[in-house]
C-alpha atoms as a PDB file:
ATOM      1  CA  MET A   1      27.356 154.885  12.838  1.00  0.00           C
ATOM      2  CA  LYS A   2      30.254 153.595  14.020  1.00  0.00           C
ATOM      3  CA  LEU A   3      30.399 149.807  15.192  1.00  0.00           C
ATOM      4  CA  HIS A   4      33.112 147.509  16.544  1.00  0.00           C
ATOM      5  CA  GLU A   5      33.458 144.403  14.327  1.00  0.00           C
ATOM      6  CA  TYR A   6      31.651 142.277  16.740  1.00  0.00           C
ATOM      7  CA  GLN A   7      28.996 144.459  16.772  1.00  0.00           C
ATOM      8  CA  ALA A   8      28.490 144.367  13.453  1.00  0.00           C
ATOM      9  CA  LYS A   9      28.661 140.616  13.342  1.00  0.00           C
ATOM     10  CA  ASN A  10      25.799 140.085  15.734  1.00  0.00           C
ATOM     11  CA  LEU A  11      23.686 142.244  13.504  1.00  0.00           C
ATOM     12  CA  TYR A  12      24.832 140.085  10.471  1.00  0.00           C
ATOM     13  CA  ALA A  13      23.819 136.975  12.617  1.00  0.00           C
ATOM     14  CA  LYS A  14      20.554 138.437  13.173  1.00  0.00           C
ATOM     15  CA  TYR A  15      19.641 138.769   9.702  1.00  0.00           C
ATOM     16  CA  ASN A  16      21.126 135.124   8.859  1.00  0.00           C
ATOM     17  CA  ILE A  17      24.160 136.534   7.162  1.00  0.00           C
ATOM     18  CA  PRO A  18      27.098 133.752   7.505  1.00  0.00           C
ATOM     19  CA  ILE A  19      30.048 134.742   9.818  1.00  0.00           C
ATOM     20  CA  PRO A  20      32.720 132.924  11.587  1.00  0.00           C
ATOM     21  CA  LYS A  21      31.944 131.516  15.035  1.00  0.00           C
ATOM     22  CA  GLY A  22      33.813 133.737  17.757  1.00  0.00           C
ATOM     23  CA  GLY A  23      33.741 135.598  20.859  1.00  0.00           C
ATOM     24  CA  ILE A  24      34.430 138.709  22.424  1.00  0.00           C
ATOM     25  CA  ALA A  25      37.026 138.700  25.221  1.00  0.00           C
ATOM     26  CA  ALA A  26      38.185 141.226  27.703  1.00  0.00           C
ATOM     27  CA  SER A  27      40.988 139.573  29.102  1.00  0.00           C
ATOM     28  CA  ALA A  28      43.672 136.836  27.864  1.00  0.00           C
ATOM     29  CA  SER A  29      42.190 134.056  29.840  1.00  0.00           C
ATOM     30  CA  GLU A  30      38.645 134.687  28.058  1.00  0.00           C
ATOM     31  CA  ALA A  31      40.452 134.492  24.950  1.00  0.00           C
ATOM     32  CA  ARG A  32      42.244 131.480  25.491  1.00  0.00           C
ATOM     33  CA  GLN A  33      38.954 129.987  26.578  1.00  0.00           C
ATOM     34  CA  ILE A  34      36.744 131.062  23.443  1.00  0.00           C
ATOM     35  CA  CYS A  35      40.072 129.810  21.483  1.00  0.00           C
ATOM     36  CA  GLN A  36      39.894 126.207  23.273  1.00  0.00           C
ATOM     37  CA  GLU A  37      35.970 126.080  22.388  1.00  0.00           C
ATOM     38  CA  LEU A  38      36.578 126.904  18.608  1.00  0.00           C
ATOM     39  CA  GLY A  39      39.275 124.131  18.086  1.00  0.00           C
ATOM     40  CA  GLY A  40      42.542 126.046  18.770  1.00  0.00           C
ATOM     41  CA  LYS A  41      43.125 127.916  15.631  1.00  0.00           C
ATOM     42  CA  VAL A  42      41.679 131.325  15.670  1.00  0.00           C
ATOM     43  CA  VAL A  43      42.293 134.879  14.649  1.00  0.00           C
ATOM     44  CA  ILE A  44      42.676 137.335  17.592  1.00  0.00           C
ATOM     45  CA  LYS A  45      41.237 140.781  16.251  1.00  0.00           C
ATOM     46  CA  ALA A  46      41.825 144.385  18.450  1.00  0.00           C
ATOM     47  CA  GLN A  47      38.289 145.933  18.959  1.00  0.00           C
ATOM     48  CA  VAL A  48      38.799 149.649  18.220  1.00  0.00           C
ATOM     49  CA  LEU A  49      37.254 152.192  16.015  1.00  0.00           C
ATOM     50  CA  ALA A  50      39.682 152.581  13.705  1.00  0.00           C
ATOM     51  CA  GLY A  51      41.138 151.235  10.511  1.00  0.00           C
ATOM     52  CA  SER A  52      44.721 149.526   9.872  1.00  0.00           C
ATOM     53  CA  ARG A  53      44.322 147.313  12.930  1.00  0.00           C
ATOM     54  CA  GLY A  54      45.975 144.657  10.770  1.00  0.00           C
ATOM     55  CA  LYS A  55      48.969 146.876   9.789  1.00  0.00           C
ATOM     56  CA  ALA A  56      49.326 147.885  13.670  1.00  0.00           C
ATOM     57  CA  GLY A  57      49.606 144.482  14.744  1.00  0.00           C
ATOM     58  CA  GLY A  58      46.024 144.409  15.998  1.00  0.00           C
ATOM     59  CA  ILE A  59      45.188 141.258  14.318  1.00  0.00           C
ATOM     60  CA  ARG A  60      46.947 137.938  14.463  1.00  0.00           C
ATOM     61  CA  LEU A  61      46.500 134.185  13.515  1.00  0.00           C
ATOM     62  CA  VAL A  62      47.140 132.119  16.623  1.00  0.00           C
ATOM     63  CA  LYS A  63      47.459 128.078  16.348  1.00  0.00           C
ATOM     64  CA  SER A  64      46.895 127.293  20.387  1.00  0.00           C
ATOM     65  CA  PRO A  65      44.975 128.317  23.333  1.00  0.00           C
ATOM     66  CA  GLU A  66      47.993 129.125  25.040  1.00  0.00           C
ATOM     67  CA  GLU A  67      49.245 131.234  22.089  1.00  0.00           C
ATOM     68  CA  ALA A  68      45.767 133.117  22.118  1.00  0.00           C
ATOM     69  CA  GLU A  69      46.397 134.053  25.809  1.00  0.00           C
ATOM     70  CA  GLU A  70      49.836 135.352  24.762  1.00  0.00           C
ATOM     71  CA  VAL A  71      48.692 137.296  21.899  1.00  0.00           C
ATOM     72  CA  THR A  72      45.820 138.770  23.495  1.00  0.00           C
ATOM     73  CA  THR A  73      48.054 140.166  26.493  1.00  0.00           C
ATOM     74  CA  GLN A  74      49.950 141.849  23.654  1.00  0.00           C
ATOM     75  CA  ILE A  75      47.117 143.481  21.779  1.00  0.00           C
ATOM     76  CA  LEU A  76      45.374 144.406  25.126  1.00  0.00           C
ATOM     77  CA  SER A  77      48.262 146.601  25.950  1.00  0.00           C
ATOM     78  CA  MET A  78      48.162 148.410  22.365  1.00  0.00           C
ATOM     79  CA  LYS A  79      47.025 151.803  21.287  1.00  0.00           C
ATOM     80  CA  ILE A  80      45.961 151.779  17.650  1.00  0.00           C
ATOM     81  CA  MET A  81      45.490 155.234  16.296  1.00  0.00           C
ATOM     82  CA  ASP A  82      45.844 156.600  20.035  1.00  0.00           C
ATOM     83  CA  LEU A  83      42.713 154.433  21.173  1.00  0.00           C
ATOM     84  CA  PRO A  84      43.490 151.788  23.816  1.00  0.00           C
ATOM     85  CA  VAL A  85      42.484 148.302  22.876  1.00  0.00           C
ATOM     86  CA  ARG A  86      40.113 147.194  25.742  1.00  0.00           C
ATOM     87  CA  LYS A  87      38.562 143.898  24.056  1.00  0.00           C
ATOM     88  CA  VAL A  88      39.488 141.435  21.371  1.00  0.00           C
ATOM     89  CA  LEU A  89      37.218 139.385  19.009  1.00  0.00           C
ATOM     90  CA  VAL A  90      38.290 135.876  18.633  1.00  0.00           C
ATOM     91  CA  ASP A  91      37.373 134.139  15.606  1.00  0.00           C
ATOM     92  CA  GLU A  92      37.630 130.671  14.246  1.00  0.00           C
ATOM     93  CA  ALA A  93      40.230 130.796  11.346  1.00  0.00           C
ATOM     94  CA  VAL A  94      38.765 130.033   8.072  1.00  0.00           C
ATOM     95  CA  SER A  95      40.257 129.371   4.654  1.00  0.00           C
ATOM     96  CA  ILE A  96      39.596 132.618   2.471  1.00  0.00           C
ATOM     97  CA  SER A  97      39.756 131.740  -1.560  1.00  0.00           C
ATOM     98  CA  LYS A  98      38.379 135.106  -2.326  1.00  0.00           C
ATOM     99  CA  GLU A  99      37.911 138.601  -0.480  1.00  0.00           C
ATOM    100  CA  ILE A 100      35.281 141.095  -2.077  1.00  0.00           C
ATOM    101  CA  TYR A 101      34.333 144.248  -0.581  1.00  0.00           C
ATOM    102  CA  LEU A 102      30.507 145.008  -0.359  1.00  0.00           C
ATOM    103  CA  GLY A 103      28.773 147.933   1.274  1.00  0.00           C
ATOM    104  CA  ILE A 104      25.719 150.251   1.190  1.00  0.00           C
ATOM    105  CA  THR A 105      25.811 154.093   1.961  1.00  0.00           C
ATOM    106  CA  ASN A 106      23.775 157.068   1.061  1.00  0.00           C
ATOM    107  CA  ASP A 107      24.745 159.303  -1.804  1.00  0.00           C
ATOM    108  CA  ARG A 108      23.966 162.804  -0.811  1.00  0.00           C
ATOM    109  CA  ILE A 109      24.147 163.930  -4.294  1.00  0.00           C
ATOM    110  CA  ALA A 110      21.842 161.499  -5.872  1.00  0.00           C
ATOM    111  CA  GLN A 111      19.581 161.195  -2.780  1.00  0.00           C
ATOM    112  CA  LYS A 112      19.478 157.409  -2.968  1.00  0.00           C
ATOM    113  CA  PRO A 113      21.199 154.628  -1.500  1.00  0.00           C
ATOM    114  CA  VAL A 114      24.314 153.342  -3.479  1.00  0.00           C
ATOM    115  CA  LEU A 115      25.662 149.732  -3.330  1.00  0.00           C
ATOM    116  CA  ILE A 116      29.656 149.680  -3.663  1.00  0.00           C
ATOM    117  CA  ALA A 117      31.402 146.628  -4.303  1.00  0.00           C
ATOM    118  CA  SER A 118      34.589 145.410  -5.532  1.00  0.00           C
ATOM    119  CA  GLY A 119      36.502 141.983  -6.081  1.00  0.00           C
ATOM    120  CA  ALA A 120      39.789 143.612  -5.364  1.00  0.00           C
ATOM    121  CA  GLY A 121      39.196 142.928  -1.731  1.00  0.00           C
ATOM    122  CA  GLY A 122      38.024 145.246   1.224  1.00  0.00           C
ATOM    123  CA  VAL A 123      41.200 145.670   3.547  1.00  0.00           C
ATOM    124  CA  ASP A 124      42.704 148.521   1.812  1.00  0.00           C
ATOM    125  CA  ILE A 125      39.484 149.517  -0.450  1.00  0.00           C
ATOM    126  CA  GLU A 126      40.638 153.402  -0.180  1.00  0.00           C
ATOM    127  CA  GLU A 127      43.861 152.243  -1.710  1.00  0.00           C
ATOM    128  CA  VAL A 128      42.134 150.455  -4.531  1.00  0.00           C
ATOM    129  CA  ALA A 129      39.981 153.473  -5.064  1.00  0.00           C
ATOM    130  CA  ARG A 130      42.864 155.604  -5.455  1.00  0.00           C
ATOM    131  CA  LYS A 131      45.201 153.271  -7.592  1.00  0.00           C
ATOM    132  CA  THR A 132      42.588 151.292  -9.580  1.00  0.00           C
ATOM    133  CA  PRO A 133      38.720 153.064  -9.215  1.00  0.00           C
ATOM    134  CA  GLY A 134      37.826 150.784 -12.295  1.00  0.00           C
ATOM    135  CA  LYS A 135      37.664 147.872  -9.711  1.00  0.00           C
ATOM    136  CA  ILE A 136      35.045 149.472  -7.782  1.00  0.00           C
ATOM    137  CA  VAL A 137      31.340 149.153  -8.706  1.00  0.00           C
ATOM    138  CA  LYS A 138      28.661 151.272  -7.690  1.00  0.00           C
ATOM    139  CA  MET A 139      25.054 151.007  -8.179  1.00  0.00           C
ATOM    140  CA  GLU A 140      22.386 153.364  -7.266  1.00  0.00           C
ATOM    141  CA  ILE A 141      19.266 151.762  -5.670  1.00  0.00           C
ATOM    142  CA  ASP A 142      15.847 153.110  -6.368  1.00  0.00           C
ATOM    143  CA  PRO A 143      14.240 153.434  -2.910  1.00  0.00           C
ATOM    144  CA  LEU A 144      10.854 152.716  -4.620  1.00  0.00           C
ATOM    145  CA  LEU A 145      12.056 149.546  -6.271  1.00  0.00           C
ATOM    146  CA  GLY A 146      14.958 148.233  -4.214  1.00  0.00           C
ATOM    147  CA  MET A 147      17.389 145.792  -5.320  1.00  0.00           C
ATOM    148  CA  ARG A 148      16.435 143.481  -8.200  1.00  0.00           C
ATOM    149  CA  ASP A 149      17.755 140.277  -9.119  1.00  0.00           C
ATOM    150  CA  TYR A 150      19.330 141.577 -12.350  1.00  0.00           C
ATOM    151  CA  HIS A 151      21.242 143.996 -10.424  1.00  0.00           C
ATOM    152  CA  VAL A 152      22.837 141.379  -8.081  1.00  0.00           C
ATOM    153  CA  ARG A 153      23.805 139.564 -11.225  1.00  0.00           C
ATOM    154  CA  ASP A 154      25.269 142.613 -12.524  1.00  0.00           C
ATOM    155  CA  ILE A 155      27.239 143.447  -9.694  1.00  0.00           C
ATOM    156  CA  ALA A 156      28.475 139.940  -9.318  1.00  0.00           C
ATOM    157  CA  LEU A 157      29.488 139.873 -12.815  1.00  0.00           C
ATOM    158  CA  SER A 158      31.000 143.154 -12.600  1.00  0.00           C
ATOM    159  CA  ILE A 159      33.555 141.855  -9.816  1.00  0.00           C
ATOM    160  CA  ASP A 160      34.329 138.655 -11.490  1.00  0.00           C
ATOM    161  CA  LEU A 161      32.520 136.867  -8.580  1.00  0.00           C
ATOM    162  CA  PRO A 162      32.410 133.032  -9.573  1.00  0.00           C
ATOM    163  CA  ARG A 163      28.897 132.107 -10.418  1.00  0.00           C
ATOM    164  CA  LYS A 164      28.715 129.356  -7.638  1.00  0.00           C
ATOM    165  CA  PHE A 165      28.678 132.212  -5.145  1.00  0.00           C
ATOM    166  CA  TRP A 166      25.802 134.307  -6.623  1.00  0.00           C
ATOM    167  CA  ARG A 167      23.145 133.034  -4.791  1.00  0.00           C
ATOM    168  CA  ALA A 168      24.661 133.498  -1.305  1.00  0.00           C
ATOM    169  CA  PHE A 169      25.852 136.752  -2.455  1.00  0.00           C
ATOM    170  CA  GLY A 170      22.096 137.939  -3.199  1.00  0.00           C
ATOM    171  CA  GLU A 171      20.974 136.570  -0.033  1.00  0.00           C
ATOM    172  CA  ILE A 172      23.598 138.790   1.627  1.00  0.00           C
ATOM    173  CA  ILE A 173      22.562 141.799  -0.301  1.00  0.00           C
ATOM    174  CA  TYR A 174      18.906 141.359   0.205  1.00  0.00           C
ATOM    175  CA  ALA A 175      19.455 140.547   4.141  1.00  0.00           C
END
């Protein structure tokens, strides 16, 4: 299943996973309005079903509603991986102290879900896997038992997540 970032955020919010405030815009004036409502400092993100949006110039930090309008005009005129950008996500700018990668997928060989995590961030997870595969942790999930608290602790330790975030990390995993 492929989802735009804003669609995934809506699902996260439904399960009480913390997400930045934001909105979706199909025009520069809509982006300006959302930026104004969020206090002026936002991130404008192209919504296309492709990776490398940031490297292509499709993710930009802006500091004012006027700049949001200008940048959105530029992004909406772009194609990323030959896909036209028709919408942007306007998210409040947040301070990031540590970026992690967390995902769950199906392992066809083991015929079980597998949790994949990394303390090396998520923007270039493929590059992390290629250059430093030891920084990626995989844990098979027994479908009959599910995730247990000790699994969450093991993963948190393995990715060097500070202890103060373990509870929130667990809540996200269990969501």
